[in-house]
Amino acid sequence: MDIKIVMTAFWTIFLAELGDKTQLATLAFSAGSQSKFSVFLGSAGALVLTSALAVLLGEAVSRVLPLRVVHMAAAVGFVVIGLVMLWGELGKPATP
């Protein structure tokens, strides 16, 4: 196991997940539940499963496409998402 890769993945995903819709949904479930540990188990399990699927898909894609192409596709995807989000915000009226 490469601890550098583990820590890079951990901190990248941890920081990316702060305040996202998954965390907010978990917060809402927790606020309305009597069993906070059940909410934790359910949300943690979902995150583990989606991460496992991403790792398996990443491995499959890396067998077909060069790593450079995968990185470029991810970069373009992030830029497009950012532009769409920015465009949506620019079209909204300013709030005081």
N, C-alpha and C. Protein backbone atom coordinates (compact mmCIF):
# COMPACT_ATOMS: atom_id res chain seq x y z
N MET A 1 0.85 -1.18 0.00
CA MET A 1 0.00 0.00 0.00
C MET A 1 0.89 1.24 0.00
N ASP A 2 0.53 2.18 -0.85
CA ASP A 2 1.29 3.43 -0.96
C ASP A 2 0.61 4.50 -0.12
N ILE A 3 1.18 4.83 1.04
CA ILE A 3 0.56 5.78 1.97
C ILE A 3 0.41 7.17 1.35
N LYS A 4 1.33 7.54 0.45
CA LYS A 4 1.22 8.85 -0.20
C LYS A 4 -0.06 8.92 -1.05
N ILE A 5 -0.35 7.86 -1.80
CA ILE A 5 -1.57 7.82 -2.61
C ILE A 5 -2.79 7.80 -1.70
N VAL A 6 -2.73 7.04 -0.61
CA VAL A 6 -3.85 6.99 0.33
C VAL A 6 -4.15 8.38 0.88
N MET A 7 -3.14 9.07 1.33
CA MET A 7 -3.35 10.40 1.93
C MET A 7 -3.79 11.43 0.90
N THR A 8 -3.23 11.36 -0.30
CA THR A 8 -3.64 12.28 -1.36
C THR A 8 -5.10 12.06 -1.71
N ALA A 9 -5.50 10.81 -1.87
CA ALA A 9 -6.91 10.51 -2.17
C ALA A 9 -7.81 10.94 -1.01
N PHE A 10 -7.39 10.64 0.22
CA PHE A 10 -8.21 10.99 1.39
C PHE A 10 -8.46 12.49 1.46
N TRP A 11 -7.39 13.28 1.43
CA TRP A 11 -7.55 14.72 1.60
C TRP A 11 -8.26 15.37 0.41
N THR A 12 -8.00 14.86 -0.79
CA THR A 12 -8.69 15.42 -1.96
C THR A 12 -10.19 15.17 -1.87
N ILE A 13 -10.57 13.95 -1.56
CA ILE A 13 -12.00 13.61 -1.47
C ILE A 13 -12.62 14.29 -0.25
N PHE A 14 -11.93 14.30 0.87
CA PHE A 14 -12.45 14.95 2.08
C PHE A 14 -12.77 16.41 1.81
N LEU A 15 -11.83 17.14 1.23
CA LEU A 15 -12.05 18.56 0.96
C LEU A 15 -13.12 18.78 -0.11
N ALA A 16 -13.16 17.90 -1.11
CA ALA A 16 -14.16 18.05 -2.17
C ALA A 16 -15.57 17.78 -1.64
N GLU A 17 -15.69 16.92 -0.67
CA GLU A 17 -17.01 16.55 -0.14
C GLU A 17 -17.56 17.54 0.87
N LEU A 18 -16.71 18.39 1.44
CA LEU A 18 -17.20 19.33 2.45
C LEU A 18 -18.25 20.26 1.83
N GLY A 19 -19.43 20.25 2.41
CA GLY A 19 -20.48 21.16 1.97
C GLY A 19 -21.17 20.77 0.68
N ASP A 20 -20.91 19.57 0.16
CA ASP A 20 -21.60 19.20 -1.07
C ASP A 20 -22.97 18.62 -0.76
N LYS A 21 -23.73 18.31 -1.79
CA LYS A 21 -25.11 17.88 -1.58
C LYS A 21 -25.22 16.57 -0.79
N THR A 22 -24.23 15.70 -0.91
CA THR A 22 -24.25 14.45 -0.14
C THR A 22 -24.13 14.74 1.35
N GLN A 23 -23.24 15.63 1.70
CA GLN A 23 -23.06 15.98 3.11
C GLN A 23 -24.31 16.68 3.64
N LEU A 24 -24.89 17.55 2.83
CA LEU A 24 -26.11 18.25 3.26
C LEU A 24 -27.28 17.28 3.42
N ALA A 25 -27.38 16.29 2.54
CA ALA A 25 -28.43 15.28 2.67
C ALA A 25 -28.23 14.47 3.95
N THR A 26 -26.99 14.11 4.24
CA THR A 26 -26.69 13.38 5.47
C THR A 26 -27.04 14.21 6.69
N LEU A 27 -26.73 15.49 6.65
CA LEU A 27 -27.07 16.41 7.74
C LEU A 27 -28.59 16.44 7.95
N ALA A 28 -29.34 16.51 6.85
CA ALA A 28 -30.80 16.54 6.95
C ALA A 28 -31.36 15.24 7.51
N PHE A 29 -30.83 14.10 7.05
CA PHE A 29 -31.26 12.81 7.59
C PHE A 29 -30.98 12.72 9.08
N SER A 30 -29.81 13.17 9.47
CA SER A 30 -29.40 13.11 10.87
C SER A 30 -30.28 13.99 11.74
N ALA A 31 -30.63 15.15 11.23
CA ALA A 31 -31.47 16.08 12.01
C ALA A 31 -32.85 15.49 12.26
N GLY A 32 -33.35 14.67 11.34
CA GLY A 32 -34.69 14.11 11.49
C GLY A 32 -34.72 12.68 11.98
N SER A 33 -33.61 12.16 12.45
CA SER A 33 -33.54 10.75 12.84
C SER A 33 -33.24 10.61 14.33
N GLN A 34 -33.79 9.56 14.89
CA GLN A 34 -33.48 9.24 16.29
C GLN A 34 -32.17 8.46 16.40
N SER A 35 -31.77 7.82 15.30
CA SER A 35 -30.56 6.99 15.31
C SER A 35 -29.47 7.61 14.44
N LYS A 36 -28.65 8.44 15.05
CA LYS A 36 -27.57 9.12 14.31
C LYS A 36 -26.56 8.11 13.77
N PHE A 37 -26.30 7.04 14.52
CA PHE A 37 -25.34 6.04 14.08
C PHE A 37 -25.84 5.32 12.83
N SER A 38 -27.15 5.09 12.74
CA SER A 38 -27.73 4.46 11.54
C SER A 38 -27.54 5.36 10.32
N VAL A 39 -27.73 6.65 10.51
CA VAL A 39 -27.50 7.60 9.41
C VAL A 39 -26.03 7.57 9.00
N PHE A 40 -25.15 7.55 9.98
CA PHE A 40 -23.71 7.48 9.69
C PHE A 40 -23.38 6.22 8.91
N LEU A 41 -23.88 5.06 9.36
CA LEU A 41 -23.59 3.81 8.66
C LEU A 41 -24.11 3.82 7.23
N GLY A 42 -25.33 4.31 7.06
CA GLY A 42 -25.92 4.36 5.72
C GLY A 42 -25.15 5.28 4.79
N SER A 43 -24.82 6.48 5.27
CA SER A 43 -24.12 7.43 4.40
C SER A 43 -22.68 6.97 4.15
N ALA A 44 -22.02 6.43 5.16
CA ALA A 44 -20.65 5.94 4.97
C ALA A 44 -20.63 4.76 4.00
N GLY A 45 -21.60 3.87 4.13
CA GLY A 45 -21.70 2.72 3.22
C GLY A 45 -21.92 3.16 1.79
N ALA A 46 -22.77 4.17 1.61
CA ALA A 46 -23.03 4.67 0.25
C ALA A 46 -21.77 5.28 -0.35
N LEU A 47 -21.03 6.03 0.45
CA LEU A 47 -19.79 6.65 -0.04
C LEU A 47 -18.75 5.59 -0.38
N VAL A 48 -18.65 4.56 0.45
CA VAL A 48 -17.71 3.47 0.17
C VAL A 48 -18.09 2.76 -1.13
N LEU A 49 -19.40 2.49 -1.31
CA LEU A 49 -19.84 1.80 -2.53
C LEU A 49 -19.59 2.64 -3.77
N THR A 50 -19.92 3.93 -3.73
CA THR A 50 -19.68 4.77 -4.90
C THR A 50 -18.18 4.89 -5.19
N SER A 51 -17.37 4.93 -4.14
CA SER A 51 -15.91 4.98 -4.33
C SER A 51 -15.41 3.68 -4.96
N ALA A 52 -15.93 2.54 -4.51
CA ALA A 52 -15.53 1.25 -5.08
C ALA A 52 -15.90 1.18 -6.56
N LEU A 53 -17.10 1.65 -6.90
CA LEU A 53 -17.51 1.67 -8.30
C LEU A 53 -16.60 2.57 -9.13
N ALA A 54 -16.23 3.72 -8.58
CA ALA A 54 -15.33 4.64 -9.29
C ALA A 54 -13.97 4.01 -9.52
N VAL A 55 -13.46 3.29 -8.53
CA VAL A 55 -12.15 2.63 -8.68
C VAL A 55 -12.24 1.55 -9.75
N LEU A 56 -13.29 0.75 -9.73
CA LEU A 56 -13.44 -0.31 -10.73
C LEU A 56 -13.61 0.27 -12.13
N LEU A 57 -14.42 1.34 -12.25
CA LEU A 57 -14.60 1.98 -13.55
C LEU A 57 -13.29 2.62 -14.02
N GLY A 58 -12.56 3.23 -13.09
CA GLY A 58 -11.27 3.82 -13.44
C GLY A 58 -10.29 2.78 -13.96
N GLU A 59 -10.29 1.63 -13.31
CA GLU A 59 -9.40 0.55 -13.77
C GLU A 59 -9.80 0.09 -15.16
N ALA A 60 -11.10 -0.09 -15.39
CA ALA A 60 -11.57 -0.54 -16.70
C ALA A 60 -11.25 0.47 -17.79
N VAL A 61 -11.47 1.75 -17.50
CA VAL A 61 -11.20 2.80 -18.49
C VAL A 61 -9.70 2.87 -18.78
N SER A 62 -8.88 2.69 -17.74
CA SER A 62 -7.43 2.79 -17.94
C SER A 62 -6.88 1.65 -18.81
N ARG A 63 -7.63 0.57 -18.92
CA ARG A 63 -7.20 -0.53 -19.80
C ARG A 63 -7.47 -0.22 -21.26
N VAL A 64 -8.42 0.69 -21.51
CA VAL A 64 -8.83 1.01 -22.88
C VAL A 64 -8.20 2.31 -23.38
N LEU A 65 -8.09 3.29 -22.47
CA LEU A 65 -7.60 4.61 -22.85
C LEU A 65 -6.29 4.93 -22.15
N PRO A 66 -5.42 5.67 -22.82
CA PRO A 66 -4.18 6.12 -22.15
C PRO A 66 -4.52 7.06 -20.98
N LEU A 67 -3.68 7.06 -19.96
CA LEU A 67 -3.91 7.88 -18.77
C LEU A 67 -4.03 9.36 -19.13
N ARG A 68 -3.26 9.80 -20.09
CA ARG A 68 -3.32 11.21 -20.52
C ARG A 68 -4.73 11.56 -21.02
N VAL A 69 -5.34 10.68 -21.77
CA VAL A 69 -6.70 10.91 -22.29
C VAL A 69 -7.70 10.96 -21.13
N VAL A 70 -7.55 10.08 -20.17
CA VAL A 70 -8.44 10.07 -19.00
C VAL A 70 -8.30 11.38 -18.24
N HIS A 71 -7.07 11.84 -18.01
CA HIS A 71 -6.84 13.11 -17.31
C HIS A 71 -7.43 14.28 -18.08
N MET A 72 -7.25 14.30 -19.39
CA MET A 72 -7.78 15.39 -20.21
C MET A 72 -9.32 15.39 -20.17
N ALA A 73 -9.92 14.22 -20.26
CA ALA A 73 -11.38 14.13 -20.22
C ALA A 73 -11.91 14.62 -18.87
N ALA A 74 -11.23 14.25 -17.79
CA ALA A 74 -11.65 14.71 -16.47
C ALA A 74 -11.50 16.22 -16.35
N ALA A 75 -10.39 16.75 -16.85
CA ALA A 75 -10.15 18.19 -16.80
C ALA A 75 -11.22 18.95 -17.59
N VAL A 76 -11.50 18.48 -18.80
CA VAL A 76 -12.53 19.13 -19.61
C VAL A 76 -13.89 19.04 -18.92
N GLY A 77 -14.18 17.90 -18.34
CA GLY A 77 -15.44 17.75 -17.61
C GLY A 77 -15.58 18.74 -16.47
N PHE A 78 -14.52 18.90 -15.69
CA PHE A 78 -14.55 19.86 -14.57
C PHE A 78 -14.71 21.30 -15.07
N VAL A 79 -14.02 21.63 -16.15
CA VAL A 79 -14.14 22.98 -16.70
C VAL A 79 -15.56 23.23 -17.20
N VAL A 80 -16.14 22.26 -17.89
CA VAL A 80 -17.51 22.42 -18.38
C VAL A 80 -18.48 22.58 -17.22
N ILE A 81 -18.36 21.76 -16.21
CA ILE A 81 -19.24 21.88 -15.03
C ILE A 81 -19.06 23.25 -14.39
N GLY A 82 -17.82 23.71 -14.24
CA GLY A 82 -17.56 25.03 -13.67
C GLY A 82 -18.18 26.15 -14.49
N LEU A 83 -18.06 26.07 -15.81
CA LEU A 83 -18.64 27.09 -16.67
C LEU A 83 -20.16 27.09 -16.60
N VAL A 84 -20.75 25.91 -16.57
CA VAL A 84 -22.22 25.82 -16.46
C VAL A 84 -22.68 26.43 -15.13
N MET A 85 -21.97 26.13 -14.06
CA MET A 85 -22.33 26.69 -12.76
C MET A 85 -22.13 28.20 -12.74
N LEU A 86 -21.03 28.66 -13.32
CA LEU A 86 -20.76 30.09 -13.37
C LEU A 86 -21.81 30.81 -14.21
N TRP A 87 -22.15 30.24 -15.36
CA TRP A 87 -23.14 30.85 -16.24
C TRP A 87 -24.49 30.95 -15.53
N GLY A 88 -24.86 29.91 -14.78
CA GLY A 88 -26.11 29.93 -14.03
C GLY A 88 -26.11 31.02 -12.97
N GLU A 89 -24.98 31.23 -12.31
CA GLU A 89 -24.88 32.27 -11.28
C GLU A 89 -24.88 33.66 -11.90
N LEU A 90 -24.26 33.81 -13.07
CA LEU A 90 -24.21 35.12 -13.70
C LEU A 90 -25.58 35.58 -14.18
N GLY A 91 -26.45 34.62 -14.48
CA GLY A 91 -27.79 34.96 -14.97
C GLY A 91 -28.76 35.32 -13.85
N LYS A 92 -28.37 35.10 -12.61
CA LYS A 92 -29.26 35.38 -11.47
C LYS A 92 -29.08 36.83 -11.03
N PRO A 93 -30.15 37.45 -10.56
CA PRO A 93 -30.01 38.80 -10.03
C PRO A 93 -29.20 38.80 -8.72
N ALA A 94 -28.48 39.86 -8.49
CA ALA A 94 -27.68 39.99 -7.27
C ALA A 94 -28.61 40.10 -6.06
N THR A 95 -28.24 39.44 -4.99
CA THR A 95 -29.03 39.54 -3.75
C THR A 95 -28.29 40.43 -2.76
N PRO A 96 -29.04 41.30 -2.12
CA PRO A 96 -28.38 42.21 -1.15
C PRO A 96 -27.95 41.50 0.11
